């Protein structure tokens, strides 16, 4: 009888302690994503996450100019060269059109412009092998000099595969 009472007491104590054993539980949920580019054609930044965030071009007091924004991309195309052009003229603005700061954009050392006809920025041989290339964005000093203020702007760079044989 004492044995039955002891078993019932232990079972009751275990059942009552159960909810308290889970009281210190922590749970974390993480979102994970991945992009696998096509092996035939891709142009991807080597550092993930920066491309959709504002990039700061820091002022250099010593040079009296802004530091160049430089980012690397991995590029590849199986069948032809890679071309690029700018969608719009790139500049930084503080709201006063007379104080705009024009930007020079180069990709793989090739200046990119708003011309309707894109420029070849990676040769067919380089593209077929795959290559890491540098995107550089630098400011051009205005004729009337830089004016103090907060400036922002956009650079819209379009890439396409050059038509084979073109």
N, C-alpha and C. Protein backbone atom coordinates (compact mmCIF):
# COMPACT_ATOMS: atom_id res chain seq x y z
N UNK A 1 0.81 -1.18 0.00
CA UNK A 1 0.00 0.00 0.00
C UNK A 1 0.87 1.27 0.00
N UNK A 2 1.90 1.22 0.82
CA UNK A 2 2.80 2.37 0.86
C UNK A 2 3.47 2.53 -0.50
N UNK A 3 3.74 1.40 -1.10
CA UNK A 3 4.38 1.42 -2.41
C UNK A 3 3.46 2.08 -3.44
N UNK A 4 2.18 1.75 -3.46
CA UNK A 4 1.22 2.36 -4.37
C UNK A 4 1.10 3.86 -4.13
N UNK A 5 1.10 4.25 -2.89
CA UNK A 5 1.02 5.69 -2.54
C UNK A 5 2.27 6.42 -3.03
N UNK A 6 3.43 5.77 -2.89
CA UNK A 6 4.67 6.40 -3.33
C UNK A 6 4.68 6.58 -4.85
N UNK A 7 4.21 5.55 -5.59
CA UNK A 7 4.16 5.62 -7.04
C UNK A 7 3.20 6.72 -7.48
N UNK A 8 2.02 6.81 -6.86
CA UNK A 8 1.03 7.85 -7.19
C UNK A 8 1.60 9.22 -6.88
N UNK A 9 2.31 9.36 -5.76
CA UNK A 9 2.90 10.66 -5.38
C UNK A 9 3.98 11.07 -6.39
N UNK A 10 4.80 10.13 -6.82
CA UNK A 10 5.84 10.44 -7.80
C UNK A 10 5.22 10.82 -9.15
N UNK A 11 4.20 10.08 -9.58
CA UNK A 11 3.54 10.40 -10.84
C UNK A 11 2.88 11.77 -10.78
N UNK A 12 2.25 12.09 -9.68
CA UNK A 12 1.61 13.39 -9.51
C UNK A 12 2.66 14.50 -9.53
N UNK A 13 3.76 14.30 -8.84
CA UNK A 13 4.83 15.31 -8.82
C UNK A 13 5.41 15.51 -10.21
N UNK A 14 5.60 14.42 -10.96
CA UNK A 14 6.13 14.51 -12.32
C UNK A 14 5.19 15.25 -13.24
N UNK A 15 3.91 14.92 -13.19
CA UNK A 15 2.92 15.60 -14.02
C UNK A 15 2.79 17.07 -13.69
N UNK A 16 2.89 17.41 -12.44
CA UNK A 16 2.75 18.82 -12.04
C UNK A 16 4.00 19.62 -12.38
N UNK A 17 5.16 18.99 -12.40
CA UNK A 17 6.41 19.70 -12.70
C UNK A 17 6.61 19.85 -14.20
N UNK A 18 5.91 19.07 -15.01
CA UNK A 18 6.05 19.10 -16.46
C UNK A 18 5.92 20.48 -17.07
N UNK A 19 4.85 21.23 -16.81
CA UNK A 19 4.71 22.57 -17.42
C UNK A 19 5.83 23.53 -17.02
N UNK A 20 6.36 23.36 -15.81
CA UNK A 20 7.42 24.27 -15.36
C UNK A 20 8.76 23.96 -16.03
N UNK A 21 8.93 22.72 -16.46
CA UNK A 21 10.17 22.34 -17.14
C UNK A 21 10.30 23.05 -18.48
N UNK A 22 9.20 23.44 -19.11
CA UNK A 22 9.22 24.11 -20.40
C UNK A 22 9.16 25.63 -20.25
N UNK A 23 9.15 26.17 -19.09
CA UNK A 23 9.00 27.61 -18.87
C UNK A 23 10.17 28.43 -19.38
N UNK A 24 11.37 27.87 -19.50
CA UNK A 24 12.54 28.63 -19.91
C UNK A 24 12.90 28.39 -21.37
N UNK A 25 11.95 28.00 -22.16
CA UNK A 25 12.20 27.67 -23.56
C UNK A 25 12.36 28.94 -24.41
N UNK A 26 13.32 28.92 -25.35
CA UNK A 26 13.51 30.00 -26.31
C UNK A 26 13.44 29.44 -27.70
N UNK A 27 12.90 30.24 -28.61
CA UNK A 27 12.78 29.80 -29.99
C UNK A 27 13.20 30.95 -30.90
N UNK A 28 13.97 30.65 -31.95
CA UNK A 28 14.41 31.65 -32.92
C UNK A 28 14.09 31.16 -34.32
N UNK A 29 13.60 32.08 -35.14
CA UNK A 29 13.31 31.76 -36.53
C UNK A 29 14.21 32.62 -37.41
N UNK A 30 14.87 32.00 -38.36
CA UNK A 30 15.76 32.71 -39.26
C UNK A 30 15.26 32.54 -40.68
N UNK A 31 15.27 33.63 -41.44
CA UNK A 31 14.94 33.57 -42.86
C UNK A 31 16.24 33.35 -43.62
N UNK A 32 16.23 32.40 -44.49
CA UNK A 32 17.40 32.08 -45.29
C UNK A 32 16.99 32.10 -46.75
N UNK A 33 17.83 32.72 -47.59
CA UNK A 33 17.55 32.72 -49.02
C UNK A 33 18.85 32.49 -49.77
N UNK A 34 18.71 32.04 -50.99
CA UNK A 34 19.87 31.79 -51.82
C UNK A 34 19.48 32.06 -53.27
N UNK A 35 20.41 32.60 -54.04
CA UNK A 35 20.21 32.79 -55.46
C UNK A 35 21.30 32.02 -56.18
N UNK A 36 20.90 31.15 -57.07
CA UNK A 36 21.86 30.41 -57.87
C UNK A 36 21.76 30.96 -59.29
N UNK A 37 22.80 31.68 -59.73
CA UNK A 37 22.73 32.27 -61.06
C UNK A 37 22.81 31.22 -62.15
N UNK A 38 22.31 31.57 -63.29
CA UNK A 38 22.42 30.70 -64.47
C UNK A 38 23.90 30.60 -64.83
N UNK A 39 24.34 29.42 -65.15
CA UNK A 39 25.74 29.29 -65.55
C UNK A 39 26.01 29.95 -66.89
N UNK A 40 24.98 30.12 -67.68
CA UNK A 40 25.16 30.69 -69.02
C UNK A 40 25.41 32.19 -68.98
N UNK A 41 24.77 32.91 -68.05
CA UNK A 41 24.91 34.38 -68.01
C UNK A 41 24.62 34.88 -66.60
N UNK A 42 25.60 35.57 -66.01
CA UNK A 42 25.34 36.21 -64.72
C UNK A 42 26.31 37.37 -64.49
N UNK A 43 25.82 38.33 -63.71
CA UNK A 43 26.60 39.47 -63.25
C UNK A 43 26.15 39.69 -61.81
N UNK A 44 26.94 39.23 -60.85
CA UNK A 44 26.53 39.29 -59.46
C UNK A 44 27.59 39.97 -58.60
N UNK A 45 27.16 40.80 -57.64
CA UNK A 45 28.12 41.44 -56.74
C UNK A 45 28.81 40.38 -55.87
N UNK A 46 30.10 40.55 -55.63
CA UNK A 46 30.82 39.57 -54.81
C UNK A 46 30.47 39.72 -53.33
N UNK A 47 30.12 40.92 -52.89
CA UNK A 47 29.70 41.15 -51.52
C UNK A 47 28.17 41.23 -51.51
N UNK A 48 27.49 40.26 -50.95
CA UNK A 48 26.03 40.30 -50.98
C UNK A 48 25.47 41.37 -50.04
N UNK A 49 24.31 41.88 -50.40
CA UNK A 49 23.59 42.77 -49.50
C UNK A 49 23.82 44.26 -49.66
N UNK A 50 24.84 44.69 -50.35
CA UNK A 50 25.12 46.13 -50.42
C UNK A 50 24.34 46.83 -51.52
N UNK A 51 23.98 46.11 -52.56
CA UNK A 51 23.49 46.73 -53.78
C UNK A 51 22.16 47.46 -53.59
N UNK A 52 21.36 47.06 -52.63
CA UNK A 52 20.06 47.72 -52.41
C UNK A 52 20.12 48.73 -51.27
N UNK A 53 21.30 49.00 -50.78
CA UNK A 53 21.47 49.95 -49.67
C UNK A 53 22.19 51.21 -50.17
N UNK A 54 21.90 52.36 -49.57
CA UNK A 54 22.63 53.58 -49.96
C UNK A 54 24.13 53.41 -49.71
N UNK A 55 24.93 53.85 -50.65
CA UNK A 55 26.39 53.76 -50.54
C UNK A 55 26.94 55.17 -50.31
N UNK A 56 27.79 55.31 -49.34
CA UNK A 56 28.33 56.63 -49.00
C UNK A 56 29.68 56.84 -49.68
N UNK A 57 29.76 57.94 -50.40
CA UNK A 57 31.03 58.36 -50.98
C UNK A 57 31.59 59.40 -50.00
N UNK A 58 32.63 59.03 -49.31
CA UNK A 58 33.16 59.89 -48.24
C UNK A 58 34.00 61.04 -48.80
N UNK A 59 33.89 62.18 -48.18
CA UNK A 59 34.65 63.37 -48.54
C UNK A 59 36.07 63.23 -48.02
N UNK A 60 37.05 63.51 -48.87
CA UNK A 60 38.45 63.49 -48.48
C UNK A 60 38.92 64.93 -48.35
N UNK A 61 39.17 65.37 -47.12
CA UNK A 61 39.63 66.75 -46.90
C UNK A 61 40.99 66.98 -47.57
N UNK A 62 41.84 65.96 -47.53
CA UNK A 62 43.17 66.09 -48.10
C UNK A 62 43.11 66.33 -49.61
N UNK A 63 42.28 65.53 -50.30
CA UNK A 63 42.19 65.64 -51.76
C UNK A 63 41.20 66.70 -52.23
N UNK A 64 40.30 67.13 -51.32
CA UNK A 64 39.28 68.10 -51.72
C UNK A 64 38.27 67.49 -52.69
N UNK A 65 38.05 66.18 -52.56
CA UNK A 65 37.15 65.46 -53.46
C UNK A 65 36.55 64.28 -52.69
N UNK A 66 35.71 63.52 -53.35
CA UNK A 66 35.10 62.35 -52.74
C UNK A 66 35.92 61.11 -53.08
N UNK A 67 35.93 60.15 -52.17
CA UNK A 67 36.56 58.86 -52.46
C UNK A 67 35.74 58.12 -53.50
N UNK A 68 36.39 57.35 -54.31
CA UNK A 68 35.73 56.56 -55.34
C UNK A 68 35.01 55.38 -54.69
N UNK A 69 33.78 55.12 -55.14
CA UNK A 69 33.05 53.94 -54.71
C UNK A 69 33.50 52.79 -55.60
N UNK A 70 33.99 51.72 -55.02
CA UNK A 70 34.51 50.59 -55.80
C UNK A 70 33.94 49.29 -55.25
N UNK A 71 33.32 48.50 -56.14
CA UNK A 71 32.73 47.21 -55.76
C UNK A 71 33.03 46.19 -56.85
N UNK A 72 33.24 44.95 -56.44
CA UNK A 72 33.56 43.89 -57.39
C UNK A 72 32.31 43.07 -57.76
N UNK A 73 32.31 42.59 -59.01
CA UNK A 73 31.25 41.74 -59.53
C UNK A 73 31.89 40.51 -60.17
N UNK A 74 31.22 39.38 -60.04
CA UNK A 74 31.60 38.19 -60.78
C UNK A 74 30.71 38.13 -62.02
N UNK A 75 31.33 37.94 -63.19
CA UNK A 75 30.58 37.94 -64.45
C UNK A 75 30.93 36.69 -65.26
N UNK A 76 29.93 36.29 -66.06
CA UNK A 76 30.16 35.14 -66.95
C UNK A 76 29.09 35.14 -68.02
N UNK A 77 29.50 34.74 -69.23
CA UNK A 77 28.56 34.52 -70.32
C UNK A 77 29.16 33.48 -71.24
N UNK A 78 28.39 32.45 -71.54
CA UNK A 78 28.90 31.32 -72.31
C UNK A 78 29.19 31.62 -73.78
N UNK A 79 28.38 32.49 -74.40
CA UNK A 79 28.45 32.56 -75.86
C UNK A 79 28.95 33.87 -76.45
N UNK A 80 28.99 34.96 -75.70
CA UNK A 80 29.46 36.21 -76.29
C UNK A 80 29.91 37.19 -75.20
N UNK A 81 30.25 38.37 -75.64
CA UNK A 81 30.71 39.43 -74.74
C UNK A 81 29.55 39.98 -73.91
N UNK A 82 29.88 40.78 -72.90
CA UNK A 82 28.89 41.44 -72.05
C UNK A 82 28.96 42.94 -72.30
N UNK A 83 27.80 43.55 -72.48
CA UNK A 83 27.70 44.99 -72.73
C UNK A 83 26.99 45.66 -71.56
N UNK A 84 27.21 46.98 -71.45
CA UNK A 84 26.55 47.75 -70.39
C UNK A 84 26.29 49.18 -70.88
N UNK A 85 25.26 49.77 -70.29
CA UNK A 85 24.97 51.18 -70.51
C UNK A 85 24.22 51.70 -69.29
N UNK A 86 24.18 53.02 -69.17
CA UNK A 86 23.45 53.66 -68.08
C UNK A 86 22.04 54.02 -68.54
N UNK A 87 21.07 53.80 -67.69
CA UNK A 87 19.68 54.14 -68.01
C UNK A 87 19.48 55.66 -68.04
N UNK A 88 20.07 56.35 -67.07
CA UNK A 88 19.98 57.82 -66.99
C UNK A 88 21.35 58.38 -66.64
N UNK A 89 21.52 59.67 -66.84
CA UNK A 89 22.77 60.32 -66.49
C UNK A 89 22.94 60.28 -64.97
N UNK A 90 24.05 59.73 -64.48
CA UNK A 90 24.24 59.62 -63.03
C UNK A 90 24.79 60.91 -62.44
N UNK A 91 24.15 61.36 -61.37
CA UNK A 91 24.62 62.56 -60.67
C UNK A 91 24.11 62.54 -59.24
N UNK A 92 24.75 63.35 -58.41
CA UNK A 92 24.31 63.57 -57.03
C UNK A 92 23.67 64.94 -56.97
N UNK A 93 22.57 65.03 -56.24
CA UNK A 93 21.84 66.30 -56.17
C UNK A 93 21.51 66.65 -54.73
N UNK A 94 21.54 67.95 -54.46
CA UNK A 94 21.09 68.46 -53.17
C UNK A 94 19.78 69.22 -53.33
N UNK A 95 19.17 69.14 -54.51
CA UNK A 95 17.92 69.83 -54.79
C UNK A 95 18.10 71.08 -55.63
N UNK A 96 19.31 71.55 -55.78
CA UNK A 96 19.61 72.73 -56.60
C UNK A 96 20.30 72.24 -57.88
N UNK A 97 19.63 72.29 -59.03
CA UNK A 97 20.22 71.77 -60.27
C UNK A 97 21.58 72.37 -60.63
N UNK A 98 21.81 73.61 -60.24
CA UNK A 98 23.10 74.24 -60.56
C UNK A 98 24.24 73.68 -59.72
N UNK A 99 23.92 72.91 -58.67
CA UNK A 99 24.95 72.35 -57.79
C UNK A 99 25.09 70.83 -57.93
N UNK A 100 24.46 70.25 -58.96
CA UNK A 100 24.57 68.81 -59.17
C UNK A 100 26.03 68.40 -59.35
N UNK A 101 26.35 67.21 -58.89
CA UNK A 101 27.69 66.65 -59.04
C UNK A 101 27.57 65.46 -59.99
N UNK A 102 28.19 65.56 -61.16
CA UNK A 102 28.15 64.49 -62.15
C UNK A 102 29.03 63.32 -61.70
N UNK A 103 28.64 62.12 -62.10
CA UNK A 103 29.38 60.92 -61.74
C UNK A 103 29.95 60.23 -62.99
N UNK A 104 31.12 59.65 -62.85
CA UNK A 104 31.72 58.83 -63.91
C UNK A 104 31.62 57.38 -63.44
N UNK A 105 31.07 56.53 -64.31
CA UNK A 105 30.89 55.12 -63.99
C UNK A 105 31.75 54.29 -64.94
N UNK A 106 32.58 53.40 -64.38
CA UNK A 106 33.35 52.48 -65.19
C UNK A 106 33.10 51.06 -64.70
N UNK A 107 33.07 50.13 -65.62
CA UNK A 107 32.90 48.72 -65.29
C UNK A 107 33.99 47.97 -66.02
N UNK A 108 34.82 47.28 -65.26
CA UNK A 108 35.97 46.57 -65.83
C UNK A 108 36.92 47.54 -66.55
N UNK A 109 37.00 48.78 -66.04
CA UNK A 109 37.87 49.79 -66.62
C UNK A 109 37.31 50.49 -67.85
N UNK A 110 36.10 50.14 -68.28
CA UNK A 110 35.48 50.73 -69.46
C UNK A 110 34.45 51.77 -69.02
N UNK A 111 34.58 53.03 -69.47
CA UNK A 111 33.57 54.04 -69.12
C UNK A 111 32.21 53.65 -69.70
N UNK A 112 31.18 53.74 -68.87
CA UNK A 112 29.82 53.40 -69.29
C UNK A 112 29.04 54.71 -69.43
N UNK A 113 28.23 54.83 -70.49
CA UNK A 113 27.49 56.07 -70.74
C UNK A 113 26.01 55.77 -70.96
N UNK A 114 25.27 56.83 -71.24
CA UNK A 114 23.84 56.71 -71.51
C UNK A 114 23.55 56.52 -73.00
N UNK A 115 24.57 56.33 -73.81
CA UNK A 115 24.35 56.08 -75.24
C UNK A 115 23.39 54.91 -75.41
N UNK A 116 22.54 55.00 -76.42
CA UNK A 116 21.59 53.93 -76.69
C UNK A 116 22.31 52.63 -77.02
N UNK A 117 23.42 52.76 -77.72
CA UNK A 117 24.22 51.58 -78.06
C UNK A 117 25.14 51.28 -76.88
N UNK A 118 24.97 50.12 -76.25
CA UNK A 118 25.80 49.81 -75.07
C UNK A 118 27.25 49.56 -75.45
N UNK A 119 28.13 49.67 -74.47
CA UNK A 119 29.57 49.45 -74.69
C UNK A 119 29.95 48.06 -74.19
N UNK A 120 30.85 47.45 -74.91
CA UNK A 120 31.35 46.14 -74.47
C UNK A 120 32.23 46.36 -73.25
N UNK A 121 31.88 45.72 -72.14
CA UNK A 121 32.64 45.89 -70.90
C UNK A 121 33.43 44.64 -70.52
N UNK A 122 33.04 43.48 -71.09
CA UNK A 122 33.78 42.24 -70.87
C UNK A 122 33.83 41.51 -72.21
N UNK A 123 35.03 41.18 -72.66
CA UNK A 123 35.18 40.50 -73.96
C UNK A 123 34.58 39.10 -73.91
N UNK A 124 34.33 38.53 -75.07
CA UNK A 124 33.77 37.19 -75.16
C UNK A 124 34.69 36.15 -74.50
N UNK A 125 35.99 36.31 -74.70
CA UNK A 125 36.95 35.36 -74.10
C UNK A 125 36.93 35.45 -72.57
N UNK A 126 36.92 36.69 -72.04
CA UNK A 126 36.88 36.87 -70.59
C UNK A 126 35.55 36.37 -70.02
N UNK A 127 34.46 36.67 -70.71
CA UNK A 127 33.13 36.26 -70.25
C UNK A 127 32.99 34.75 -70.24
N UNK A 128 33.52 34.07 -71.23
CA UNK A 128 33.42 32.61 -71.31
C UNK A 128 34.16 31.93 -70.16
N UNK A 129 35.29 32.52 -69.78
CA UNK A 129 36.07 31.96 -68.68
C UNK A 129 35.51 32.35 -67.32
N UNK A 130 34.76 33.43 -67.28
CA UNK A 130 34.30 33.99 -66.00
C UNK A 130 35.38 34.89 -65.44
N UNK A 131 34.97 36.00 -64.85
CA UNK A 131 35.96 36.97 -64.38
C UNK A 131 35.39 37.79 -63.25
N UNK A 132 36.24 38.27 -62.36
CA UNK A 132 35.87 39.22 -61.32
C UNK A 132 36.29 40.60 -61.81
N UNK A 133 35.33 41.52 -61.91
CA UNK A 133 35.61 42.85 -62.45
C UNK A 133 35.18 43.93 -61.46
N UNK A 134 35.75 45.11 -61.64
CA UNK A 134 35.54 46.21 -60.73
C UNK A 134 34.56 47.24 -61.30
N UNK A 135 33.57 47.60 -60.49
CA UNK A 135 32.68 48.73 -60.78
C UNK A 135 33.23 49.91 -59.99
N UNK A 136 33.45 51.04 -60.68
CA UNK A 136 33.92 52.25 -60.00
C UNK A 136 32.99 53.40 -60.32
N UNK A 137 32.63 54.15 -59.28
CA UNK A 137 31.82 55.35 -59.43
C UNK A 137 32.58 56.48 -58.76
N UNK A 138 32.88 57.50 -59.55
CA UNK A 138 33.64 58.63 -59.01
C UNK A 138 32.97 59.95 -59.38
N UNK A 139 33.21 60.95 -58.57
CA UNK A 139 32.62 62.26 -58.81
C UNK A 139 33.49 63.07 -59.77
N UNK A 140 32.83 63.92 -60.53
CA UNK A 140 33.54 64.87 -61.39
C UNK A 140 33.38 66.25 -60.75
N UNK A 141 34.49 66.94 -60.55
CA UNK A 141 34.45 68.23 -59.87
C UNK A 141 33.72 69.26 -60.74
N UNK A 142 32.66 69.89 -60.22
CA UNK A 142 31.95 70.92 -60.98
C UNK A 142 32.85 72.13 -61.25
N UNK A 143 32.56 72.84 -62.33
CA UNK A 143 33.34 74.02 -62.70
C UNK A 143 33.36 75.06 -61.57
N UNK A 144 32.25 75.19 -60.88
CA UNK A 144 32.17 76.17 -59.78
C UNK A 144 32.52 75.55 -58.43
N UNK A 145 33.10 74.35 -58.43
CA UNK A 145 33.53 73.69 -57.19
C UNK A 145 32.38 73.01 -56.46
N UNK A 146 32.74 72.22 -55.46
CA UNK A 146 31.75 71.52 -54.64
C UNK A 146 31.12 72.48 -53.66
N UNK A 147 29.82 72.40 -53.49
CA UNK A 147 29.08 73.22 -52.52
C UNK A 147 28.67 72.33 -51.36
N UNK A 148 28.75 72.85 -50.15
CA UNK A 148 28.38 72.09 -48.96
C UNK A 148 26.92 71.68 -49.02
N UNK A 149 26.61 70.53 -48.47
CA UNK A 149 25.23 70.06 -48.41
C UNK A 149 25.12 68.55 -48.41
N UNK A 150 23.90 68.08 -48.32
CA UNK A 150 23.61 66.64 -48.38
C UNK A 150 23.20 66.31 -49.81
N UNK A 151 23.87 65.35 -50.42
CA UNK A 151 23.61 64.98 -51.81
C UNK A 151 23.20 63.51 -51.89
N UNK A 152 22.28 63.21 -52.80
CA UNK A 152 21.89 61.83 -53.07
C UNK A 152 21.72 61.65 -54.57
N UNK A 153 21.73 60.41 -55.00
CA UNK A 153 21.53 60.13 -56.42
C UNK A 153 21.38 58.65 -56.66
N UNK A 154 21.13 58.29 -57.92
CA UNK A 154 20.97 56.90 -58.33
C UNK A 154 21.86 56.61 -59.53
N UNK A 155 22.33 55.40 -59.58
CA UNK A 155 23.05 54.91 -60.75
C UNK A 155 22.31 53.66 -61.21
N UNK A 156 21.76 53.70 -62.42
CA UNK A 156 21.04 52.55 -62.97
C UNK A 156 21.87 52.01 -64.13
N UNK A 157 22.47 50.86 -63.89
CA UNK A 157 23.37 50.25 -64.85
C UNK A 157 22.69 49.02 -65.45
N UNK A 158 22.58 48.98 -66.78
CA UNK A 158 21.92 47.88 -67.49
C UNK A 158 22.96 47.03 -68.20
N UNK A 159 22.85 45.71 -68.04
CA UNK A 159 23.76 44.77 -68.70
C UNK A 159 22.99 43.91 -69.68
N UNK A 160 23.65 43.52 -70.74
CA UNK A 160 23.05 42.54 -71.65
C UNK A 160 24.15 41.76 -72.34
N UNK A 161 23.75 40.61 -72.87
CA UNK A 161 24.66 39.79 -73.64
C UNK A 161 24.74 40.34 -75.04
N UNK A 162 25.95 40.51 -75.51
CA UNK A 162 26.13 41.01 -76.89
C UNK A 162 25.67 39.93 -77.86
N UNK A 163 24.99 40.36 -78.91
CA UNK A 163 24.52 39.41 -79.91
C UNK A 163 25.72 38.68 -80.52
N UNK A 164 25.69 37.36 -80.58
CA UNK A 164 26.83 36.63 -81.15
C UNK A 164 27.11 37.08 -82.59
N UNK A 165 28.37 37.26 -82.87
CA UNK A 165 28.78 37.68 -84.22
C UNK A 165 28.66 39.17 -84.47
N UNK A 166 28.15 39.93 -83.50
CA UNK A 166 27.97 41.38 -83.71
C UNK A 166 29.26 42.12 -83.42
